[in-house]
PDB file of N, CA and C in Angstrom:
ATOM      1  N   UNK A   1      -9.127   8.073 -36.001  1.00  0.00           N
ATOM      2  CA  UNK A   1     -10.676   7.156 -34.743  1.00  0.00           C
ATOM      3  C   UNK A   1      -9.937   6.391 -34.254  1.00  0.00           C
ATOM      4  N   UNK A   2     -10.301   5.948 -33.101  1.00  0.00           N
ATOM      5  CA  UNK A   2     -10.713   4.598 -32.152  1.00  0.00           C
ATOM      6  C   UNK A   2     -11.762   3.614 -33.552  1.00  0.00           C
ATOM      7  N   UNK A   3     -11.459   2.433 -33.652  1.00  0.00           N
ATOM      8  CA  UNK A   3     -12.450   1.466 -33.770  1.00  0.00           C
ATOM      9  C   UNK A   3     -13.799   1.590 -32.771  1.00  0.00           C
ATOM     10  N   UNK A   4     -14.887   0.856 -32.999  1.00  0.00           N
ATOM     11  CA  UNK A   4     -15.960   1.070 -32.134  1.00  0.00           C
ATOM     12  C   UNK A   4     -16.825   0.306 -32.734  1.00  0.00           C
ATOM     13  N   UNK A   5     -17.624  -0.237 -31.213  1.00  0.00           N
ATOM     14  CA  UNK A   5     -18.344  -1.510 -31.442  1.00  0.00           C
ATOM     15  C   UNK A   5     -19.836  -0.480 -31.325  1.00  0.00           C
ATOM     16  N   UNK A   6     -20.807  -1.756 -32.385  1.00  0.00           N
ATOM     17  CA  UNK A   6     -22.476  -1.158 -32.167  1.00  0.00           C
ATOM     18  C   UNK A   6     -22.815  -1.887 -31.145  1.00  0.00           C
ATOM     19  N   UNK A   7     -23.792  -1.005 -30.509  1.00  0.00           N
ATOM     20  CA  UNK A   7     -25.000  -1.042 -29.219  1.00  0.00           C
ATOM     21  C   UNK A   7     -26.399  -1.082 -29.956  1.00  0.00           C
ATOM     22  N   UNK A   8     -26.857  -1.658 -29.896  1.00  0.00           N
ATOM     23  CA  UNK A   8     -28.263  -1.531 -30.029  1.00  0.00           C
ATOM     24  C   UNK A   8     -29.182  -1.211 -29.006  1.00  0.00           C
ATOM     25  N   UNK A   9     -30.143  -0.409 -29.287  1.00  0.00           N
ATOM     26  CA  UNK A   9     -30.904   0.330 -28.337  1.00  0.00           C
ATOM     27  C   UNK A   9     -32.635   0.122 -29.117  1.00  0.00           C
ATOM     28  N   UNK A  10     -33.689  -0.193 -28.006  1.00  0.00           N
ATOM     29  CA  UNK A  10     -35.019   0.021 -29.029  1.00  0.00           C
ATOM     30  C   UNK A  10     -35.655   1.189 -28.415  1.00  0.00           C
ATOM     31  N   UNK A  11     -35.481   1.426 -27.006  1.00  0.00           N
ATOM     32  CA  UNK A  11     -36.063   2.947 -26.934  1.00  0.00           C
ATOM     33  C   UNK A  11     -35.072   4.398 -27.192  1.00  0.00           C
ATOM     34  N   UNK A  12     -35.554   5.013 -27.843  1.00  0.00           N
ATOM     35  CA  UNK A  12     -34.687   6.111 -28.009  1.00  0.00           C
ATOM     36  C   UNK A  12     -35.762   7.356 -27.852  1.00  0.00           C
ATOM     37  N   UNK A  13     -35.767   8.307 -26.786  1.00  0.00           N
ATOM     38  CA  UNK A  13     -33.644   8.244 -26.307  1.00  0.00           C
ATOM     39  C   UNK A  13     -33.754   7.413 -25.385  1.00  0.00           C
ATOM     40  N   UNK A  14     -31.989   7.412 -24.778  1.00  0.00           N
ATOM     41  CA  UNK A  14     -32.022   6.768 -23.832  1.00  0.00           C
ATOM     42  C   UNK A  14     -31.066   7.130 -22.821  1.00  0.00           C
ATOM     43  N   UNK A  15     -30.626   7.283 -20.909  1.00  0.00           N
ATOM     44  CA  UNK A  15     -30.073   8.192 -20.277  1.00  0.00           C
ATOM     45  C   UNK A  15     -28.883   7.800 -20.651  1.00  0.00           C
ATOM     46  N   UNK A  16     -27.608   8.784 -20.494  1.00  0.00           N
ATOM     47  CA  UNK A  16     -26.563   8.148 -20.740  1.00  0.00           C
ATOM     48  C   UNK A  16     -26.186   7.238 -19.675  1.00  0.00           C
ATOM     49  N   UNK A  17     -26.892   7.710 -18.293  1.00  0.00           N
ATOM     50  CA  UNK A  17     -26.545   6.829 -17.328  1.00  0.00           C
ATOM     51  C   UNK A  17     -26.861   5.251 -17.504  1.00  0.00           C
ATOM     52  N   UNK A  18     -27.725   5.356 -17.521  1.00  0.00           N
ATOM     53  CA  UNK A  18     -28.353   3.769 -18.083  1.00  0.00           C
ATOM     54  C   UNK A  18     -27.454   3.528 -19.070  1.00  0.00           C
ATOM     55  N   UNK A  19     -27.118   3.772 -20.334  1.00  0.00           N
ATOM     56  CA  UNK A  19     -27.174   3.553 -21.583  1.00  0.00           C
ATOM     57  C   UNK A  19     -25.325   2.652 -20.791  1.00  0.00           C
ATOM     58  N   UNK A  20     -24.575   3.240 -19.908  1.00  0.00           N
ATOM     59  CA  UNK A  20     -22.959   2.998 -19.681  1.00  0.00           C
ATOM     60  C   UNK A  20     -23.539   1.793 -19.006  1.00  0.00           C
ATOM     61  N   UNK A  21     -24.667   1.541 -18.308  1.00  0.00           N
ATOM     62  CA  UNK A  21     -25.426   0.643 -16.653  1.00  0.00           C
ATOM     63  C   UNK A  21     -25.023  -1.242 -17.986  1.00  0.00           C
ATOM     64  N   UNK A  22     -26.341  -0.369 -18.628  1.00  0.00           N
ATOM     65  CA  UNK A  22     -26.291  -1.728 -19.544  1.00  0.00           C
ATOM     66  C   UNK A  22     -25.558  -2.533 -20.796  1.00  0.00           C
ATOM     67  N   UNK A  23     -24.657  -1.317 -21.226  1.00  0.00           N
ATOM     68  CA  UNK A  23     -23.671  -1.681 -21.856  1.00  0.00           C
ATOM     69  C   UNK A  23     -22.603  -1.979 -21.164  1.00  0.00           C
ATOM     70  N   UNK A  24     -22.769  -2.172 -19.641  1.00  0.00           N
ATOM     71  CA  UNK A  24     -21.692  -3.039 -18.986  1.00  0.00           C
ATOM     72  C   UNK A  24     -20.161  -2.266 -19.285  1.00  0.00           C
ATOM     73  N   UNK A  25     -20.042  -0.814 -19.495  1.00  0.00           N
ATOM     74  CA  UNK A  25     -18.874  -0.225 -19.250  1.00  0.00           C
ATOM     75  C   UNK A  25     -18.524   0.656 -17.803  1.00  0.00           C
ATOM     76  N   UNK A  26     -19.513  -0.176 -16.761  1.00  0.00           N
ATOM     77  CA  UNK A  26     -19.643   0.426 -15.538  1.00  0.00           C
ATOM     78  C   UNK A  26     -20.374  -0.795 -14.523  1.00  0.00           C
ATOM     79  N   UNK A  27     -20.282  -0.442 -13.569  1.00  0.00           N
ATOM     80  CA  UNK A  27     -20.216  -1.722 -12.956  1.00  0.00           C
ATOM     81  C   UNK A  27     -21.844  -1.525 -12.167  1.00  0.00           C
ATOM     82  N   UNK A  28     -22.248  -0.617 -12.031  1.00  0.00           N
ATOM     83  CA  UNK A  28     -23.893  -0.175 -11.819  1.00  0.00           C
ATOM     84  C   UNK A  28     -24.083   1.163 -11.668  1.00  0.00           C
ATOM     85  N   UNK A  29     -25.358   1.569 -11.563  1.00  0.00           N
ATOM     86  CA  UNK A  29     -25.855   2.909 -11.855  1.00  0.00           C
ATOM     87  C   UNK A  29     -25.193   4.034 -10.993  1.00  0.00           C
ATOM     88  N   UNK A  30     -24.781   3.716  -9.716  1.00  0.00           N
ATOM     89  CA  UNK A  30     -23.550   4.962  -9.186  1.00  0.00           C
ATOM     90  C   UNK A  30     -22.811   5.144  -9.994  1.00  0.00           C
ATOM     91  N   UNK A  31     -21.815   4.142 -10.179  1.00  0.00           N
ATOM     92  CA  UNK A  31     -20.833   4.454 -10.577  1.00  0.00           C
ATOM     93  C   UNK A  31     -20.921   5.345 -12.110  1.00  0.00           C
ATOM     94  N   UNK A  32     -21.708   4.855 -12.654  1.00  0.00           N
ATOM     95  CA  UNK A  32     -21.992   5.389 -13.835  1.00  0.00           C
ATOM     96  C   UNK A  32     -22.337   7.020 -13.973  1.00  0.00           C
ATOM     97  N   UNK A  33     -23.338   7.148 -12.866  1.00  0.00           N
ATOM     98  CA  UNK A  33     -23.766   8.914 -12.628  1.00  0.00           C
ATOM     99  C   UNK A  33     -22.195   9.231 -11.566  1.00  0.00           C
ATOM    100  N   UNK A  34     -21.499   9.105 -11.106  1.00  0.00           N
ATOM    101  CA  UNK A  34     -20.051   9.756 -10.527  1.00  0.00           C
ATOM    102  C   UNK A  34     -18.972   9.509 -11.910  1.00  0.00           C
ATOM    103  N   UNK A  35     -18.879   8.502 -12.482  1.00  0.00           N
ATOM    104  CA  UNK A  35     -18.115   8.900 -14.156  1.00  0.00           C
ATOM    105  C   UNK A  35     -18.443  10.015 -14.324  1.00  0.00           C
ATOM    106  N   UNK A  36     -19.986  10.156 -14.713  1.00  0.00           N
ATOM    107  CA  UNK A  36     -20.466  11.231 -15.899  1.00  0.00           C
ATOM    108  C   UNK A  36     -20.270  12.633 -15.105  1.00  0.00           C
ATOM    109  N   UNK A  37     -20.251  12.877 -13.699  1.00  0.00           N
ATOM    110  CA  UNK A  37     -20.421  13.995 -13.104  1.00  0.00           C
ATOM    111  C   UNK A  37     -18.745  14.471 -13.337  1.00  0.00           C
ATOM    112  N   UNK A  38     -17.970  13.544 -13.267  1.00  0.00           N
ATOM    113  CA  UNK A  38     -16.771  13.403 -13.124  1.00  0.00           C
ATOM    114  C   UNK A  38     -15.592  14.154 -14.085  1.00  0.00           C
ATOM    115  N   UNK A  39     -16.451  14.303 -15.269  1.00  0.00           N
ATOM    116  CA  UNK A  39     -16.369  14.259 -16.512  1.00  0.00           C
ATOM    117  C   UNK A  39     -15.269  13.187 -17.449  1.00  0.00           C
ATOM    118  N   UNK A  40     -15.750  12.056 -16.961  1.00  0.00           N
ATOM    119  CA  UNK A  40     -14.584  11.000 -17.672  1.00  0.00           C
ATOM    120  C   UNK A  40     -15.195  10.448 -18.710  1.00  0.00           C
ATOM    121  N   UNK A  41     -16.989  11.075 -19.135  1.00  0.00           N
ATOM    122  CA  UNK A  41     -17.740  10.249 -20.299  1.00  0.00           C
ATOM    123  C   UNK A  41     -16.849  11.318 -21.764  1.00  0.00           C
ATOM    124  N   UNK A  42     -17.155  10.840 -22.765  1.00  0.00           N
ATOM    125  CA  UNK A  42     -17.302  11.603 -23.856  1.00  0.00           C
ATOM    126  C   UNK A  42     -18.401  11.306 -24.803  1.00  0.00           C
ATOM    127  N   UNK A  43     -19.663  12.354 -24.961  1.00  0.00           N
ATOM    128  CA  UNK A  43     -20.795  11.646 -26.016  1.00  0.00           C
ATOM    129  C   UNK A  43     -20.150  12.519 -27.648  1.00  0.00           C
ATOM    130  N   UNK A  44     -19.920  11.876 -28.139  1.00  0.00           N
ATOM    131  CA  UNK A  44     -19.565  12.503 -29.420  1.00  0.00           C
ATOM    132  C   UNK A  44     -18.434  14.073 -29.571  1.00  0.00           C
ATOM    133  N   UNK A  45     -17.111  13.096 -28.995  1.00  0.00           N
ATOM    134  CA  UNK A  45     -16.290  13.458 -29.363  1.00  0.00           C
ATOM    135  C   UNK A  45     -16.190  15.023 -27.947  1.00  0.00           C
ATOM    136  N   UNK A  46     -17.100  14.836 -26.977  1.00  0.00           N
ATOM    137  CA  UNK A  46     -17.483  16.393 -25.940  1.00  0.00           C
ATOM    138  C   UNK A  46     -17.679  15.717 -24.672  1.00  0.00           C
ATOM    139  N   UNK A  47     -16.341  16.297 -23.654  1.00  0.00           N
ATOM    140  CA  UNK A  47     -16.932  16.076 -22.553  1.00  0.00           C
ATOM    141  C   UNK A  47     -18.180  16.014 -21.905  1.00  0.00           C
ATOM    142  N   UNK A  48     -19.165  14.824 -21.340  1.00  0.00           N
ATOM    143  CA  UNK A  48     -20.544  15.155 -21.032  1.00  0.00           C
ATOM    144  C   UNK A  48     -20.659  15.302 -19.344  1.00  0.00           C
ATOM    145  N   UNK A  49     -21.080  15.816 -18.800  1.00  0.00           N
ATOM    146  CA  UNK A  49     -21.359  15.718 -17.199  1.00  0.00           C
ATOM    147  C   UNK A  49     -22.824  15.616 -16.880  1.00  0.00           C
ATOM    148  N   UNK A  50     -23.874  15.281 -18.068  1.00  0.00           N
ATOM    149  CA  UNK A  50     -25.406  15.923 -17.292  1.00  0.00           C
ATOM    150  C   UNK A  50     -25.724  14.270 -17.114  1.00  0.00           C
ATOM    151  N   UNK A  51     -25.696  13.587 -16.272  1.00  0.00           N
ATOM    152  CA  UNK A  51     -26.131  11.975 -16.196  1.00  0.00           C
ATOM    153  C   UNK A  51     -27.290  11.395 -17.095  1.00  0.00           C
ATOM    154  N   UNK A  52     -28.226  12.542 -17.200  1.00  0.00           N
ATOM    155  CA  UNK A  52     -29.230  11.705 -17.660  1.00  0.00           C
ATOM    156  C   UNK A  52     -29.423  12.143 -19.384  1.00  0.00           C
ATOM    157  N   UNK A  53     -28.548  12.866 -20.008  1.00  0.00           N
ATOM    158  CA  UNK A  53     -28.518  13.262 -21.333  1.00  0.00           C
ATOM    159  C   UNK A  53     -29.230  12.109 -22.041  1.00  0.00           C
ATOM    160  N   UNK A  54     -29.404  12.070 -23.161  1.00  0.00           N
ATOM    161  CA  UNK A  54     -30.714  11.597 -23.603  1.00  0.00           C
ATOM    162  C   UNK A  54     -29.615  11.301 -25.088  1.00  0.00           C
ATOM    163  N   UNK A  55     -29.318   9.604 -24.781  1.00  0.00           N
ATOM    164  CA  UNK A  55     -28.405   9.562 -26.041  1.00  0.00           C
ATOM    165  C   UNK A  55     -29.468   8.908 -27.179  1.00  0.00           C
ATOM    166  N   UNK A  56     -29.039   8.861 -28.367  1.00  0.00           N
ATOM    167  CA  UNK A  56     -29.487   8.555 -29.623  1.00  0.00           C
ATOM    168  C   UNK A  56     -28.782   7.763 -30.495  1.00  0.00           C
ATOM    169  N   UNK A  57     -29.873   7.367 -31.637  1.00  0.00           N
ATOM    170  CA  UNK A  57     -29.453   6.790 -32.826  1.00  0.00           C
ATOM    171  C   UNK A  57     -28.251   7.873 -33.263  1.00  0.00           C
ATOM    172  N   UNK A  58     -27.213   6.826 -33.801  1.00  0.00           N
ATOM    173  CA  UNK A  58     -25.933   7.383 -34.164  1.00  0.00           C
ATOM    174  C   UNK A  58     -24.358   8.183 -33.453  1.00  0.00           C
ATOM    175  N   UNK A  59     -25.022   8.524 -32.006  1.00  0.00           N
ATOM    176  CA  UNK A  59     -24.214   8.857 -31.201  1.00  0.00           C
ATOM    177  C   UNK A  59     -22.794   7.780 -30.823  1.00  0.00           C
ATOM    178  N   UNK A  60     -21.787   8.417 -30.635  1.00  0.00           N
ATOM    179  CA  UNK A  60     -20.895   7.625 -30.103  1.00  0.00           C
ATOM    180  C   UNK A  60     -20.421   7.664 -28.631  1.00  0.00           C
ATOM    181  N   UNK A  61     -20.358   7.091 -27.857  1.00  0.00           N
ATOM    182  CA  UNK A  61     -19.933   6.934 -26.617  1.00  0.00           C
ATOM    183  C   UNK A  61     -18.405   6.517 -25.818  1.00  0.00           C
ATOM    184  N   UNK A  62     -17.630   6.834 -25.610  1.00  0.00           N
ATOM    185  CA  UNK A  62     -16.447   6.371 -25.448  1.00  0.00           C
ATOM    186  C   UNK A  62     -15.939   7.014 -23.532  1.00  0.00           C
ATOM    187  N   UNK A  63     -15.562   5.907 -23.121  1.00  0.00           N
ATOM    188  CA  UNK A  63     -15.152   5.915 -21.332  1.00  0.00           C
ATOM    189  C   UNK A  63     -14.251   4.656 -21.385  1.00  0.00           C
ATOM    190  N   UNK A  64     -13.513   4.867 -20.809  1.00  0.00           N
ATOM    191  CA  UNK A  64     -12.053   4.255 -20.033  1.00  0.00           C
ATOM    192  C   UNK A  64     -11.188   3.157 -20.938  1.00  0.00           C
ATOM    193  N   UNK A  65     -11.426   3.773 -22.281  1.00  0.00           N
ATOM    194  CA  UNK A  65     -10.870   2.962 -23.377  1.00  0.00           C
ATOM    195  C   UNK A  65     -11.876   2.557 -24.257  1.00  0.00           C
ATOM    196  N   UNK A  66     -12.855   2.566 -24.213  1.00  0.00           N
ATOM    197  CA  UNK A  66     -13.666   1.628 -24.933  1.00  0.00           C
ATOM    198  C   UNK A  66     -14.818   2.497 -25.538  1.00  0.00           C
ATOM    199  N   UNK A  67     -15.456   2.381 -26.400  1.00  0.00           N
ATOM    200  CA  UNK A  67     -15.681   3.194 -27.302  1.00  0.00           C
ATOM    201  C   UNK A  67     -17.118   2.497 -27.997  1.00  0.00           C
ATOM    202  N   UNK A  68     -18.675   2.923 -28.064  1.00  0.00           N
ATOM    203  CA  UNK A  68     -19.693   2.138 -28.377  1.00  0.00           C
ATOM    204  C   UNK A  68     -20.396   3.400 -29.533  1.00  0.00           C
ATOM    205  N   UNK A  69     -20.748   2.791 -30.453  1.00  0.00           N
ATOM    206  CA  UNK A  69     -21.872   3.467 -31.584  1.00  0.00           C
ATOM    207  C   UNK A  69     -22.893   3.174 -31.319  1.00  0.00           C
ATOM    208  N   UNK A  70     -24.114   4.095 -30.902  1.00  0.00           N
ATOM    209  CA  UNK A  70     -25.881   3.644 -30.640  1.00  0.00           C
ATOM    210  C   UNK A  70     -26.161   3.294 -31.733  1.00  0.00           C
ATOM    211  N   UNK A  71     -27.035   1.922 -32.227  1.00  0.00           N
ATOM    212  CA  UNK A  71     -28.018   1.907 -33.213  1.00  0.00           C
ATOM    213  C   UNK A  71     -29.300   1.976 -32.851  1.00  0.00           C
ATOM    214  N   UNK A  72     -30.286   1.889 -33.349  1.00  0.00           N
ATOM    215  CA  UNK A  72     -31.441   2.120 -32.912  1.00  0.00           C
ATOM    216  C   UNK A  72     -32.181   0.377 -33.616  1.00  0.00           C
ATOM    217  N   UNK A  73     -32.195  -0.168 -32.694  1.00  0.00           N
ATOM    218  CA  UNK A  73     -32.647  -1.507 -33.477  1.00  0.00           C
ATOM    219  C   UNK A  73     -33.553  -2.268 -32.673  1.00  0.00           C
ATOM    220  N   UNK A  74     -35.277  -1.972 -32.804  1.00  0.00           N
ATOM    221  CA  UNK A  74     -35.706  -2.329 -31.714  1.00  0.00           C
ATOM    222  C   UNK A  74     -35.929  -4.047 -32.042  1.00  0.00           C
ATOM    223  N   UNK A  75     -35.603  -4.851 -32.537  1.00  0.00           N
ATOM    224  CA  UNK A  75     -35.285  -5.948 -32.825  1.00  0.00           C
ATOM    225  C   UNK A  75     -34.418  -7.223 -31.980  1.00  0.00           C
ATOM    226  N   UNK A  76     -33.303  -6.056 -31.363  1.00  0.00           N
ATOM    227  CA  UNK A  76     -32.841  -7.239 -30.656  1.00  0.00           C
ATOM    228  C   UNK A  76     -32.531  -7.635 -29.805  1.00  0.00           C
ATOM    229  N   UNK A  77     -32.036  -8.214 -29.309  1.00  0.00           N
ATOM    230  CA  UNK A  77     -32.231  -8.971 -27.855  1.00  0.00           C
ATOM    231  C   UNK A  77     -32.032  -8.360 -27.076  1.00  0.00           C
ATOM    232  N   UNK A  78     -30.795  -7.668 -26.967  1.00  0.00           N
ATOM    233  CA  UNK A  78     -30.210  -6.619 -26.491  1.00  0.00           C
ATOM    234  C   UNK A  78     -31.429  -5.479 -26.129  1.00  0.00           C
ATOM    235  N   UNK A  79     -31.558  -5.121 -27.282  1.00  0.00           N
ATOM    236  CA  UNK A  79     -32.285  -4.296 -27.042  1.00  0.00           C
ATOM    237  C   UNK A  79     -33.931  -4.540 -26.413  1.00  0.00           C
ATOM    238  N   UNK A  80     -34.910  -6.184 -26.411  1.00  0.00           N
ATOM    239  CA  UNK A  80     -35.339  -6.269 -25.615  1.00  0.00           C
ATOM    240  C   UNK A  80     -34.684  -5.661 -23.923  1.00  0.00           C
ATOM    241  N   UNK A  81     -33.983  -6.361 -23.795  1.00  0.00           N
ATOM    242  CA  UNK A  81     -33.407  -6.180 -22.291  1.00  0.00           C
ATOM    243  C   UNK A  81     -33.384  -4.646 -21.921  1.00  0.00           C
ATOM    244  N   UNK A  82     -32.708  -4.158 -22.673  1.00  0.00           N
ATOM    245  CA  UNK A  82     -33.121  -2.050 -22.424  1.00  0.00           C
ATOM    246  C   UNK A  82     -34.204  -2.201 -21.967  1.00  0.00           C
ATOM    247  N   UNK A  83     -35.334  -2.317 -23.225  1.00  0.00           N
ATOM    248  CA  UNK A  83     -36.422  -1.819 -22.629  1.00  0.00           C
ATOM    249  C   UNK A  83     -37.331  -2.278 -21.934  1.00  0.00           C
ATOM    250  N   UNK A  84     -36.952  -3.342 -21.245  1.00  0.00           N
ATOM    251  CA  UNK A  84     -37.007  -4.232 -19.640  1.00  0.00           C
ATOM    252  C   UNK A  84     -36.997  -3.388 -18.613  1.00  0.00           C
ATOM    253  N   UNK A  85     -35.771  -2.828 -18.802  1.00  0.00           N
ATOM    254  CA  UNK A  85     -35.343  -2.166 -17.729  1.00  0.00           C
ATOM    255  C   UNK A  85     -35.050  -0.540 -17.607  1.00  0.00           C
ATOM    256  N   UNK A  86     -35.621  -0.327 -19.103  1.00  0.00           N
ATOM    257  CA  UNK A  86     -36.458   0.971 -19.114  1.00  0.00           C
ATOM    258  C   UNK A  86     -37.970   1.508 -18.314  1.00  0.00           C
ATOM    259  N   UNK A  87     -38.805   0.099 -18.496  1.00  0.00           N
ATOM    260  CA  UNK A  87     -39.897   0.178 -18.202  1.00  0.00           C
ATOM    261  C   UNK A  87     -39.670   0.254 -16.706  1.00  0.00           C
ATOM    262  N   UNK A  88     -39.142  -0.822 -16.190  1.00  0.00           N
ATOM    263  CA  UNK A  88     -38.981  -1.006 -15.037  1.00  0.00           C
ATOM    264  C   UNK A  88     -38.822   0.026 -14.172  1.00  0.00           C
ATOM    265  N   UNK A  89     -37.525   0.839 -14.143  1.00  0.00           N
ATOM    266  CA  UNK A  89     -37.379   2.199 -14.235  1.00  0.00           C
ATOM    267  C   UNK A  89     -38.246   3.182 -13.949  1.00  0.00           C
ATOM    268  N   UNK A  90     -39.432   3.526 -15.278  1.00  0.00           N
ATOM    269  CA  UNK A  90     -40.361   4.331 -15.164  1.00  0.00           C
ATOM    270  C   UNK A  90     -41.776   3.813 -14.469  1.00  0.00           C
ATOM    271  N   UNK A  91     -41.978   2.494 -14.040  1.00  0.00           N
ATOM    272  CA  UNK A  91     -42.860   1.926 -12.876  1.00  0.00           C
ATOM    273  C   UNK A  91     -42.256   2.772 -11.815  1.00  0.00           C
ATOM    274  N   UNK A  92     -41.090   2.271 -11.246  1.00  0.00           N
ATOM    275  CA  UNK A  92     -40.436   2.900 -10.104  1.00  0.00           C
ATOM    276  C   UNK A  92     -40.817   4.216  -9.849  1.00  0.00           C
ATOM    277  N   UNK A  93     -39.933   5.535 -11.027  1.00  0.00           N
ATOM    278  CA  UNK A  93     -40.145   6.361 -10.911  1.00  0.00           C
ATOM    279  C   UNK A  93     -41.975   6.662 -10.458  1.00  0.00           C
ATOM    280  N   UNK A  94     -42.645   6.079 -11.209  1.00  0.00           N
ATOM    281  CA  UNK A  94     -44.324   6.370 -10.707  1.00  0.00           C
ATOM    282  C   UNK A  94     -44.380   6.351  -9.315  1.00  0.00           C
ATOM    283  N   UNK A  95     -44.322   4.571  -8.920  1.00  0.00           N
ATOM    284  CA  UNK A  95     -44.409   4.453  -7.725  1.00  0.00           C
ATOM    285  C   UNK A  95     -43.846   5.730  -6.483  1.00  0.00           C
ATOM    286  N   UNK A  96     -42.383   6.119  -6.801  1.00  0.00           N
ATOM    287  CA  UNK A  96     -41.992   7.448  -5.721  1.00  0.00           C
ATOM    288  C   UNK A  96     -42.612   8.720  -5.838  1.00  0.00           C
ATOM    289  N   UNK A  97     -43.245   8.715  -7.132  1.00  0.00           N
ATOM    290  CA  UNK A  97     -44.209   9.961  -7.314  1.00  0.00           C
ATOM    291  C   UNK A  97     -45.711   9.556  -5.800  1.00  0.00           C
ATOM    292  N   UNK A  98     -45.574   9.062  -6.494  1.00  0.00           N
ATOM    293  CA  UNK A  98     -47.161   8.108  -5.953  1.00  0.00           C
ATOM    294  C   UNK A  98     -47.431   8.029  -4.031  1.00  0.00           C
ATOM    295  N   UNK A  99     -46.201   7.995  -3.533  1.00  0.00           N
ATOM    296  CA  UNK A  99     -45.330   7.212  -2.471  1.00  0.00           C
ATOM    297  C   UNK A  99     -44.944   8.901  -1.600  1.00  0.00           C
ATOM    298  N   UNK A 100     -44.854   9.905  -2.630  1.00  0.00           N
ATOM    299  CA  UNK A 100     -44.177  11.023  -2.076  1.00  0.00           C
ATOM    300  C   UNK A 100     -45.713  12.106  -1.721  1.00  0.00           C
ATOM    301  N   UNK A 101     -46.404  11.899  -2.854  1.00  0.00           N
ATOM    302  CA  UNK A 101     -48.145  12.957  -2.730  1.00  0.00           C
ATOM    303  C   UNK A 101     -48.369  11.787  -1.828  1.00  0.00           C
ATOM    304  N   UNK A 102     -48.631  10.646  -1.184  1.00  0.00           N
ATOM    305  CA  UNK A 102     -49.553  10.097   0.076  1.00  0.00           C
ATOM    306  C   UNK A 102     -49.019  10.682   1.211  1.00  0.00           C
ATOM    307  N   UNK A 103     -47.648  10.825   1.217  1.00  0.00           N
ATOM    308  CA  UNK A 103     -46.582  11.643   2.387  1.00  0.00           C
ATOM    309  C   UNK A 103     -46.843  13.073   2.539  1.00  0.00           C
ATOM    310  N   UNK A 104     -47.047  13.517   1.566  1.00  0.00           N
ATOM    311  CA  UNK A 104     -47.956  14.988   1.505  1.00  0.00           C
ATOM    312  C   UNK A 104     -49.074  15.442   2.116  1.00  0.00           C
ATOM    313  N   UNK A 105     -50.045  14.208   1.471  1.00  0.00           N
ATOM    314  CA  UNK A 105     -51.277  14.244   1.986  1.00  0.00           C
ATOM    315  C   UNK A 105     -51.311  13.923   3.366  1.00  0.00           C
ATOM    316  N   UNK A 106     -50.568  13.204   3.747  1.00  0.00           N
ATOM    317  CA  UNK A 106     -50.831  12.706   5.292  1.00  0.00           C
ATOM    318  C   UNK A 106     -50.016  13.683   6.373  1.00  0.00           C
ATOM    319  N   UNK A 107     -49.204  14.250   6.072  1.00  0.00           N
ATOM    320  CA  UNK A 107     -49.051  15.811   6.486  1.00  0.00           C
ATOM    321  C   UNK A 107     -49.489  16.897   6.958  1.00  0.00           C
ATOM    322  N   UNK A 108     -50.527  16.542   5.792  1.00  0.00           N
ATOM    323  CA  UNK A 108     -51.230  17.909   5.647  1.00  0.00           C
ATOM    324  C   UNK A 108     -52.539  17.888   6.833  1.00  0.00           C
ATOM    325  N   UNK A 109     -52.631  16.229   6.638  1.00  0.00           N
ATOM    326  CA  UNK A 109     -54.176  15.962   7.590  1.00  0.00           C
ATOM    327  C   UNK A 109     -53.281  16.089   9.217  1.00  0.00           C
ATOM    328  N   UNK A 110     -52.891  16.834  10.031  1.00  0.00           N
ATOM    329  CA  UNK A 110     -53.141  16.557  11.148  1.00  0.00           C
ATOM    330  C   UNK A 110     -54.297  16.804  12.206  1.00  0.00           C
ATOM    331  N   UNK A 111     -53.882  15.955  13.286  1.00  0.00           N
ATOM    332  CA  UNK A 111     -55.079  16.394  14.307  1.00  0.00           C
ATOM    333  C   UNK A 111     -55.418  17.181  14.838  1.00  0.00           C
ATOM    334  N   UNK A 112     -56.517  18.019  15.580  1.00  0.00           N
ATOM    335  CA  UNK A 112     -55.861  19.298  16.166  1.00  0.00           C
ATOM    336  C   UNK A 112     -56.027  18.575  17.583  1.00  0.00           C
ATOM    337  N   UNK A 113     -55.472  18.951  18.647  1.00  0.00           N
ATOM    338  CA  UNK A 113     -55.797  17.999  19.881  1.00  0.00           C
ATOM    339  C   UNK A 113     -56.632  18.539  20.682  1.00  0.00           C
ATOM    340  N   UNK A 114     -57.579  17.412  21.523  1.00  0.00           N
ATOM    341  CA  UNK A 114     -58.894  17.943  21.740  1.00  0.00           C
ATOM    342  C   UNK A 114     -58.767  18.938  23.274  1.00  0.00           C
ATOM    343  N   UNK A 115     -59.908  19.695  22.829  1.00  0.00           N
ATOM    344  CA  UNK A 115     -59.786  20.580  24.511  1.00  0.00           C
ATOM    345  C   UNK A 115     -60.600  19.692  25.451  1.00  0.00           C
ATOM    346  N   UNK A 116     -61.176  19.046  24.920  1.00  0.00           N
ATOM    347  CA  UNK A 116     -62.686  18.273  26.098  1.00  0.00           C
ATOM    348  C   UNK A 116     -61.958  17.577  27.007  1.00  0.00           C
ATOM    349  N   UNK A 117     -63.019  17.709  28.479  1.00  0.00           N
ATOM    350  CA  UNK A 117     -62.031  16.822  29.743  1.00  0.00           C
ATOM    351  C   UNK A 117     -62.663  15.872  29.490  1.00  0.00           C
TER     352      UNK A 117
END
């Protein structure tokens, strides 16, 4: 087996697409999702096509000749960065849900045309 570097995370589990981006294995989130869906990423020596696969302590990720082993370590500086990214993502998801609810409510309250002259 090839040698791998250790990558610390402070949130467990973390989604595979986010991990690839944070670990600088890809250029961005869109690229991560594409590479995963095309079957180019291995998790524990198995091809994974699930973009949001939950990655945990001890998992080994392989992509494009680079291999990392995940370690849960909430005290590392890189782990703090990951926590910030994950929390920001969760906040963004809450905002999107709130907007969808607002749109759904506004589309249900359509006004009826007046028949008065």
